[in-house]
Amino acid sequence: MECLRNSRGQGLIESLLCLPLVILAVSFIFLLCYRAVVFYYADFQLHEALICVDEKSSAHCENELKKSLKKILLARADCEAVVRRQDHTVRGFLKIHFPLLEYFGSPLMIEKQLTFPLKTESSWKLF
């Protein structure tokens, strides 16, 4: 009977000791998922900005890209975007700084290039 009285509260103490590790693991998983979502969203928006340059100016498409990225980035995150057209080629560069994640690695960088005219289904040759 005394053995049961001595072990009362042991579960509470063990859970209090494990709680910081659980919070750290959940936070790390959340940050990794957030970075993955930002990467795929930024990649899609950069592609859309490169297509936009076919109809509008580079500066307009670059501003639209930055505006769309601000919707998903946290308050302290900073992004640099460059969209330039040269003849039939459009190049885009995107660099996103995450203040919380800079300790774990470099900023997120995406670079893309498109050549106009874009191929449509009718322009593909079927073999």
N, C-alpha and C. Protein backbone atom coordinates (compact mmCIF):
# COMPACT_ATOMS: atom_id res chain seq x y z
N MET A 1 0.81 -1.17 0.00
CA MET A 1 0.00 0.00 0.00
C MET A 1 0.87 1.26 0.00
N GLU A 2 1.96 1.24 0.76
CA GLU A 2 2.84 2.39 0.80
C GLU A 2 3.49 2.65 -0.56
N CYS A 3 3.71 1.58 -1.30
CA CYS A 3 4.33 1.72 -2.61
C CYS A 3 3.44 2.54 -3.54
N LEU A 4 2.14 2.38 -3.46
CA LEU A 4 1.22 3.14 -4.29
C LEU A 4 1.20 4.61 -3.90
N ARG A 5 1.30 4.90 -2.62
CA ARG A 5 1.28 6.29 -2.18
C ARG A 5 2.52 7.05 -2.63
N ASN A 6 3.63 6.37 -2.66
CA ASN A 6 4.87 7.03 -3.06
C ASN A 6 4.93 7.35 -4.55
N SER A 7 4.22 6.60 -5.37
CA SER A 7 4.29 6.83 -6.81
C SER A 7 3.20 7.78 -7.30
N ARG A 8 2.39 8.30 -6.41
CA ARG A 8 1.37 9.26 -6.83
C ARG A 8 2.05 10.55 -7.28
N GLY A 9 1.62 11.08 -8.40
CA GLY A 9 2.20 12.31 -8.93
C GLY A 9 3.39 12.08 -9.82
N GLN A 10 3.83 10.83 -9.93
CA GLN A 10 4.99 10.55 -10.77
C GLN A 10 4.67 10.82 -12.24
N GLY A 11 3.47 10.49 -12.68
CA GLY A 11 3.06 10.75 -14.06
C GLY A 11 3.07 12.24 -14.38
N LEU A 12 2.63 13.05 -13.42
CA LEU A 12 2.62 14.50 -13.60
C LEU A 12 4.05 15.03 -13.74
N ILE A 13 4.93 14.55 -12.91
CA ILE A 13 6.33 15.01 -12.97
C ILE A 13 6.99 14.57 -14.28
N GLU A 14 6.73 13.34 -14.72
CA GLU A 14 7.30 12.86 -15.97
C GLU A 14 6.76 13.65 -17.16
N SER A 15 5.47 13.97 -17.13
CA SER A 15 4.90 14.73 -18.25
C SER A 15 5.42 16.17 -18.25
N LEU A 16 5.67 16.75 -17.10
CA LEU A 16 6.25 18.09 -17.05
C LEU A 16 7.68 18.11 -17.56
N LEU A 17 8.40 17.01 -17.34
CA LEU A 17 9.76 16.93 -17.86
C LEU A 17 9.78 16.72 -19.37
N CYS A 18 8.79 16.01 -19.91
CA CYS A 18 8.73 15.72 -21.35
C CYS A 18 8.07 16.84 -22.14
N LEU A 19 7.29 17.69 -21.48
CA LEU A 19 6.53 18.72 -22.18
C LEU A 19 7.40 19.65 -23.03
N PRO A 20 8.55 20.15 -22.57
CA PRO A 20 9.38 21.00 -23.42
C PRO A 20 9.86 20.29 -24.69
N LEU A 21 10.18 19.00 -24.60
CA LEU A 21 10.61 18.25 -25.78
C LEU A 21 9.47 18.08 -26.78
N VAL A 22 8.27 17.85 -26.27
CA VAL A 22 7.11 17.71 -27.15
C VAL A 22 6.82 19.04 -27.84
N ILE A 23 6.87 20.13 -27.10
CA ILE A 23 6.63 21.46 -27.69
C ILE A 23 7.69 21.78 -28.74
N LEU A 24 8.94 21.45 -28.47
CA LEU A 24 10.02 21.68 -29.42
C LEU A 24 9.83 20.86 -30.69
N ALA A 25 9.46 19.60 -30.56
CA ALA A 25 9.26 18.74 -31.73
C ALA A 25 8.08 19.23 -32.57
N VAL A 26 6.98 19.59 -31.93
CA VAL A 26 5.81 20.08 -32.66
C VAL A 26 6.13 21.40 -33.36
N SER A 27 6.87 22.27 -32.71
CA SER A 27 7.26 23.55 -33.33
C SER A 27 8.16 23.32 -34.53
N PHE A 28 9.10 22.41 -34.42
CA PHE A 28 10.00 22.11 -35.53
C PHE A 28 9.24 21.54 -36.73
N ILE A 29 8.31 20.64 -36.48
CA ILE A 29 7.49 20.07 -37.56
C ILE A 29 6.63 21.15 -38.20
N PHE A 30 6.06 22.04 -37.39
CA PHE A 30 5.25 23.13 -37.93
C PHE A 30 6.10 24.04 -38.82
N LEU A 31 7.31 24.39 -38.39
CA LEU A 31 8.17 25.26 -39.19
C LEU A 31 8.59 24.60 -40.51
N LEU A 32 8.86 23.31 -40.47
CA LEU A 32 9.20 22.60 -41.71
C LEU A 32 8.02 22.56 -42.68
N CYS A 33 6.83 22.32 -42.15
CA CYS A 33 5.63 22.31 -43.01
C CYS A 33 5.37 23.70 -43.57
N TYR A 34 5.55 24.73 -42.76
CA TYR A 34 5.36 26.10 -43.22
C TYR A 34 6.34 26.45 -44.33
N ARG A 35 7.59 26.06 -44.17
CA ARG A 35 8.60 26.34 -45.20
C ARG A 35 8.26 25.60 -46.50
N ALA A 36 7.76 24.38 -46.40
CA ALA A 36 7.38 23.63 -47.60
C ALA A 36 6.21 24.30 -48.31
N VAL A 37 5.21 24.75 -47.56
CA VAL A 37 4.06 25.43 -48.16
C VAL A 37 4.51 26.73 -48.83
N VAL A 38 5.36 27.48 -48.16
CA VAL A 38 5.86 28.73 -48.73
C VAL A 38 6.67 28.45 -50.00
N PHE A 39 7.47 27.40 -50.01
CA PHE A 39 8.27 27.07 -51.20
C PHE A 39 7.36 26.80 -52.40
N TYR A 40 6.37 25.93 -52.23
CA TYR A 40 5.51 25.58 -53.36
C TYR A 40 4.64 26.74 -53.80
N TYR A 41 4.17 27.54 -52.86
CA TYR A 41 3.37 28.72 -53.21
C TYR A 41 4.24 29.75 -53.94
N ALA A 42 5.45 29.98 -53.45
CA ALA A 42 6.35 30.94 -54.08
C ALA A 42 6.76 30.47 -55.48
N ASP A 43 7.01 29.18 -55.63
CA ASP A 43 7.36 28.63 -56.94
C ASP A 43 6.22 28.84 -57.93
N PHE A 44 4.99 28.59 -57.50
CA PHE A 44 3.82 28.79 -58.36
C PHE A 44 3.66 30.27 -58.73
N GLN A 45 3.79 31.17 -57.73
CA GLN A 45 3.61 32.59 -57.98
C GLN A 45 4.72 33.15 -58.87
N LEU A 46 5.94 32.64 -58.75
CA LEU A 46 7.03 33.08 -59.62
C LEU A 46 6.74 32.65 -61.06
N HIS A 47 6.25 31.45 -61.23
CA HIS A 47 5.89 30.99 -62.57
C HIS A 47 4.79 31.87 -63.17
N GLU A 48 3.79 32.22 -62.37
CA GLU A 48 2.72 33.10 -62.83
C GLU A 48 3.26 34.49 -63.19
N ALA A 49 4.23 34.98 -62.42
CA ALA A 49 4.82 36.29 -62.72
C ALA A 49 5.59 36.25 -64.03
N LEU A 50 6.25 35.13 -64.32
CA LEU A 50 6.98 35.02 -65.58
C LEU A 50 6.02 34.99 -66.77
N ILE A 51 4.89 34.35 -66.60
CA ILE A 51 3.88 34.34 -67.66
C ILE A 51 3.26 35.72 -67.81
N CYS A 52 3.10 36.44 -66.70
CA CYS A 52 2.52 37.78 -66.70
C CYS A 52 3.35 38.74 -67.55
N VAL A 53 4.66 38.55 -67.58
CA VAL A 53 5.56 39.45 -68.31
C VAL A 53 5.27 39.44 -69.81
N ASP A 54 4.63 38.39 -70.30
CA ASP A 54 4.29 38.33 -71.72
C ASP A 54 3.27 39.40 -72.10
N GLU A 55 2.43 39.82 -71.14
CA GLU A 55 1.38 40.81 -71.42
C GLU A 55 1.61 42.16 -70.76
N LYS A 56 2.32 42.19 -69.64
CA LYS A 56 2.50 43.43 -68.88
C LYS A 56 3.98 43.69 -68.64
N SER A 57 4.27 44.81 -67.99
CA SER A 57 5.67 45.16 -67.75
C SER A 57 6.28 44.31 -66.64
N SER A 58 7.60 44.23 -66.65
CA SER A 58 8.31 43.46 -65.64
C SER A 58 8.08 44.03 -64.24
N ALA A 59 8.07 45.35 -64.13
CA ALA A 59 7.89 45.99 -62.82
C ALA A 59 6.51 45.68 -62.25
N HIS A 60 5.49 45.70 -63.10
CA HIS A 60 4.13 45.40 -62.64
C HIS A 60 4.04 43.95 -62.14
N CYS A 61 4.58 43.02 -62.90
CA CYS A 61 4.53 41.61 -62.51
C CYS A 61 5.35 41.34 -61.26
N GLU A 62 6.47 42.03 -61.12
CA GLU A 62 7.31 41.90 -59.92
C GLU A 62 6.57 42.40 -58.69
N ASN A 63 5.88 43.53 -58.80
CA ASN A 63 5.10 44.06 -57.69
C ASN A 63 3.94 43.13 -57.32
N GLU A 64 3.28 42.55 -58.32
CA GLU A 64 2.19 41.61 -58.06
C GLU A 64 2.71 40.36 -57.35
N LEU A 65 3.91 39.92 -57.74
CA LEU A 65 4.53 38.76 -57.10
C LEU A 65 4.80 39.05 -55.63
N LYS A 66 5.40 40.19 -55.34
CA LYS A 66 5.69 40.56 -53.95
C LYS A 66 4.41 40.69 -53.13
N LYS A 67 3.37 41.27 -53.75
CA LYS A 67 2.10 41.45 -53.05
C LYS A 67 1.45 40.10 -52.72
N SER A 68 1.52 39.16 -53.64
CA SER A 68 0.92 37.85 -53.39
C SER A 68 1.71 37.06 -52.35
N LEU A 69 3.04 37.26 -52.31
CA LEU A 69 3.84 36.55 -51.32
C LEU A 69 3.64 37.10 -49.91
N LYS A 70 3.36 38.38 -49.80
CA LYS A 70 3.14 38.98 -48.48
C LYS A 70 1.92 38.37 -47.79
N LYS A 71 0.99 37.81 -48.57
CA LYS A 71 -0.21 37.20 -48.00
C LYS A 71 0.11 35.95 -47.18
N ILE A 72 1.15 35.24 -47.56
CA ILE A 72 1.45 33.97 -46.90
C ILE A 72 2.65 34.04 -45.95
N LEU A 73 3.50 35.06 -46.11
CA LEU A 73 4.69 35.16 -45.27
C LEU A 73 4.35 35.73 -43.90
N LEU A 74 5.06 35.26 -42.90
CA LEU A 74 4.89 35.81 -41.55
C LEU A 74 5.41 37.24 -41.52
N ALA A 75 5.07 37.95 -40.48
CA ALA A 75 5.34 39.39 -40.40
C ALA A 75 6.82 39.75 -40.59
N ARG A 76 7.72 38.99 -40.03
CA ARG A 76 9.13 39.36 -40.06
C ARG A 76 9.88 38.80 -41.27
N ALA A 77 9.22 37.97 -42.08
CA ALA A 77 9.88 37.40 -43.25
C ALA A 77 10.03 38.48 -44.33
N ASP A 78 11.11 38.41 -45.05
CA ASP A 78 11.42 39.40 -46.09
C ASP A 78 11.67 38.68 -47.40
N CYS A 79 11.19 39.27 -48.51
CA CYS A 79 11.42 38.63 -49.80
C CYS A 79 12.00 39.62 -50.80
N GLU A 80 12.87 39.11 -51.64
CA GLU A 80 13.44 39.87 -52.75
C GLU A 80 13.00 39.16 -54.02
N ALA A 81 12.46 39.91 -54.97
CA ALA A 81 12.01 39.33 -56.24
C ALA A 81 12.53 40.14 -57.40
N VAL A 82 13.00 39.45 -58.43
CA VAL A 82 13.48 40.09 -59.65
C VAL A 82 12.88 39.33 -60.83
N VAL A 83 12.19 40.06 -61.71
CA VAL A 83 11.63 39.47 -62.93
C VAL A 83 12.10 40.34 -64.09
N ARG A 84 12.83 39.75 -65.03
CA ARG A 84 13.38 40.50 -66.16
C ARG A 84 13.14 39.75 -67.47
N ARG A 85 12.85 40.53 -68.50
CA ARG A 85 12.66 39.97 -69.83
C ARG A 85 13.79 40.42 -70.73
N GLN A 86 14.31 39.49 -71.51
CA GLN A 86 15.35 39.80 -72.48
C GLN A 86 15.03 39.03 -73.75
N ASP A 87 14.59 39.74 -74.78
CA ASP A 87 14.14 39.16 -76.05
C ASP A 87 12.98 38.18 -75.80
N HIS A 88 13.20 36.90 -76.09
CA HIS A 88 12.14 35.91 -75.94
C HIS A 88 12.26 35.12 -74.63
N THR A 89 13.18 35.52 -73.77
CA THR A 89 13.42 34.79 -72.53
C THR A 89 13.07 35.67 -71.33
N VAL A 90 12.39 35.07 -70.37
CA VAL A 90 12.05 35.75 -69.12
C VAL A 90 12.70 34.98 -67.98
N ARG A 91 13.38 35.70 -67.11
CA ARG A 91 14.04 35.08 -65.96
C ARG A 91 13.50 35.69 -64.67
N GLY A 92 13.35 34.84 -63.69
CA GLY A 92 12.87 35.31 -62.40
C GLY A 92 13.71 34.72 -61.28
N PHE A 93 13.91 35.53 -60.27
CA PHE A 93 14.69 35.11 -59.10
C PHE A 93 13.93 35.55 -57.86
N LEU A 94 13.85 34.67 -56.89
CA LEU A 94 13.12 34.93 -55.66
C LEU A 94 13.96 34.46 -54.48
N LYS A 95 14.10 35.33 -53.48
CA LYS A 95 14.86 34.99 -52.28
C LYS A 95 14.03 35.39 -51.07
N ILE A 96 13.76 34.43 -50.20
CA ILE A 96 12.92 34.67 -49.03
C ILE A 96 13.74 34.40 -47.78
N HIS A 97 13.80 35.39 -46.89
CA HIS A 97 14.52 35.26 -45.62
C HIS A 97 13.51 34.96 -44.53
N PHE A 98 13.73 33.89 -43.80
CA PHE A 98 12.92 33.54 -42.63
C PHE A 98 13.74 33.82 -41.39
N PRO A 99 13.37 34.82 -40.59
CA PRO A 99 14.17 35.13 -39.40
C PRO A 99 14.27 33.96 -38.42
N LEU A 100 13.21 33.19 -38.26
CA LEU A 100 13.23 32.08 -37.31
C LEU A 100 14.04 30.90 -37.82
N LEU A 101 14.11 30.73 -39.14
CA LEU A 101 14.76 29.56 -39.71
C LEU A 101 16.18 29.82 -40.18
N GLU A 102 16.70 31.03 -40.05
CA GLU A 102 18.05 31.31 -40.51
C GLU A 102 19.12 30.57 -39.71
N TYR A 103 18.78 30.16 -38.50
CA TYR A 103 19.73 29.40 -37.70
C TYR A 103 19.90 27.98 -38.25
N PHE A 104 18.88 27.47 -38.95
CA PHE A 104 18.90 26.10 -39.45
C PHE A 104 19.38 25.98 -40.89
N GLY A 105 19.51 27.09 -41.59
CA GLY A 105 19.95 26.99 -42.98
C GLY A 105 19.89 28.32 -43.69
N SER A 106 20.12 28.26 -44.98
CA SER A 106 20.15 29.47 -45.79
C SER A 106 18.74 29.90 -46.16
N PRO A 107 18.59 31.11 -46.70
CA PRO A 107 17.27 31.55 -47.14
C PRO A 107 16.76 30.71 -48.30
N LEU A 108 15.48 30.76 -48.51
CA LEU A 108 14.84 30.02 -49.59
C LEU A 108 15.06 30.78 -50.90
N MET A 109 15.65 30.11 -51.90
CA MET A 109 15.92 30.75 -53.18
C MET A 109 15.33 29.92 -54.31
N ILE A 110 14.64 30.61 -55.22
CA ILE A 110 14.04 29.96 -56.39
C ILE A 110 14.43 30.77 -57.62
N GLU A 111 14.84 30.08 -58.67
CA GLU A 111 15.19 30.74 -59.92
C GLU A 111 14.52 29.98 -61.06
N LYS A 112 13.86 30.73 -61.95
CA LYS A 112 13.15 30.11 -63.08
C LYS A 112 13.42 30.88 -64.35
N GLN A 113 13.18 30.19 -65.48
CA GLN A 113 13.35 30.82 -66.77
C GLN A 113 12.29 30.25 -67.72
N LEU A 114 11.67 31.14 -68.49
CA LEU A 114 10.71 30.74 -69.52
C LEU A 114 11.13 31.33 -70.85
N THR A 115 10.83 30.62 -71.92
CA THR A 115 11.09 31.11 -73.27
C THR A 115 9.77 31.24 -74.00
N PHE A 116 9.55 32.39 -74.62
CA PHE A 116 8.32 32.64 -75.35
C PHE A 116 8.56 32.42 -76.83
N PRO A 117 7.62 32.00 -77.63
CA PRO A 117 6.25 31.70 -77.25
C PRO A 117 6.17 30.36 -76.51
N LEU A 118 5.24 30.30 -75.55
CA LEU A 118 5.03 29.06 -74.80
C LEU A 118 4.39 28.03 -75.71
N LYS A 119 4.74 26.78 -75.50
CA LYS A 119 4.17 25.71 -76.31
C LYS A 119 2.75 25.42 -75.83
N THR A 120 1.85 25.32 -76.77
CA THR A 120 0.47 24.95 -76.46
C THR A 120 0.24 23.52 -76.95
N GLU A 121 -0.92 22.97 -76.65
CA GLU A 121 -1.21 21.60 -77.06
C GLU A 121 -1.18 21.45 -78.58
N SER A 122 -1.62 22.46 -79.29
CA SER A 122 -1.66 22.36 -80.75
C SER A 122 -0.25 22.44 -81.36
N SER A 123 0.71 23.00 -80.62
CA SER A 123 2.05 23.13 -81.17
C SER A 123 2.92 21.91 -80.88
N TRP A 124 2.47 20.99 -80.05
CA TRP A 124 3.23 19.77 -79.77
C TRP A 124 3.06 18.79 -80.93
N LYS A 125 4.12 18.18 -81.31
CA LYS A 125 4.06 17.17 -82.38
C LYS A 125 3.90 15.81 -81.72
N LEU A 126 2.93 15.09 -82.15
CA LEU A 126 2.72 13.74 -81.62
C LEU A 126 3.42 12.74 -82.53
N PHE A 127 4.14 11.85 -81.94
CA PHE A 127 4.88 10.85 -82.72
C PHE A 127 4.14 9.55 -82.72
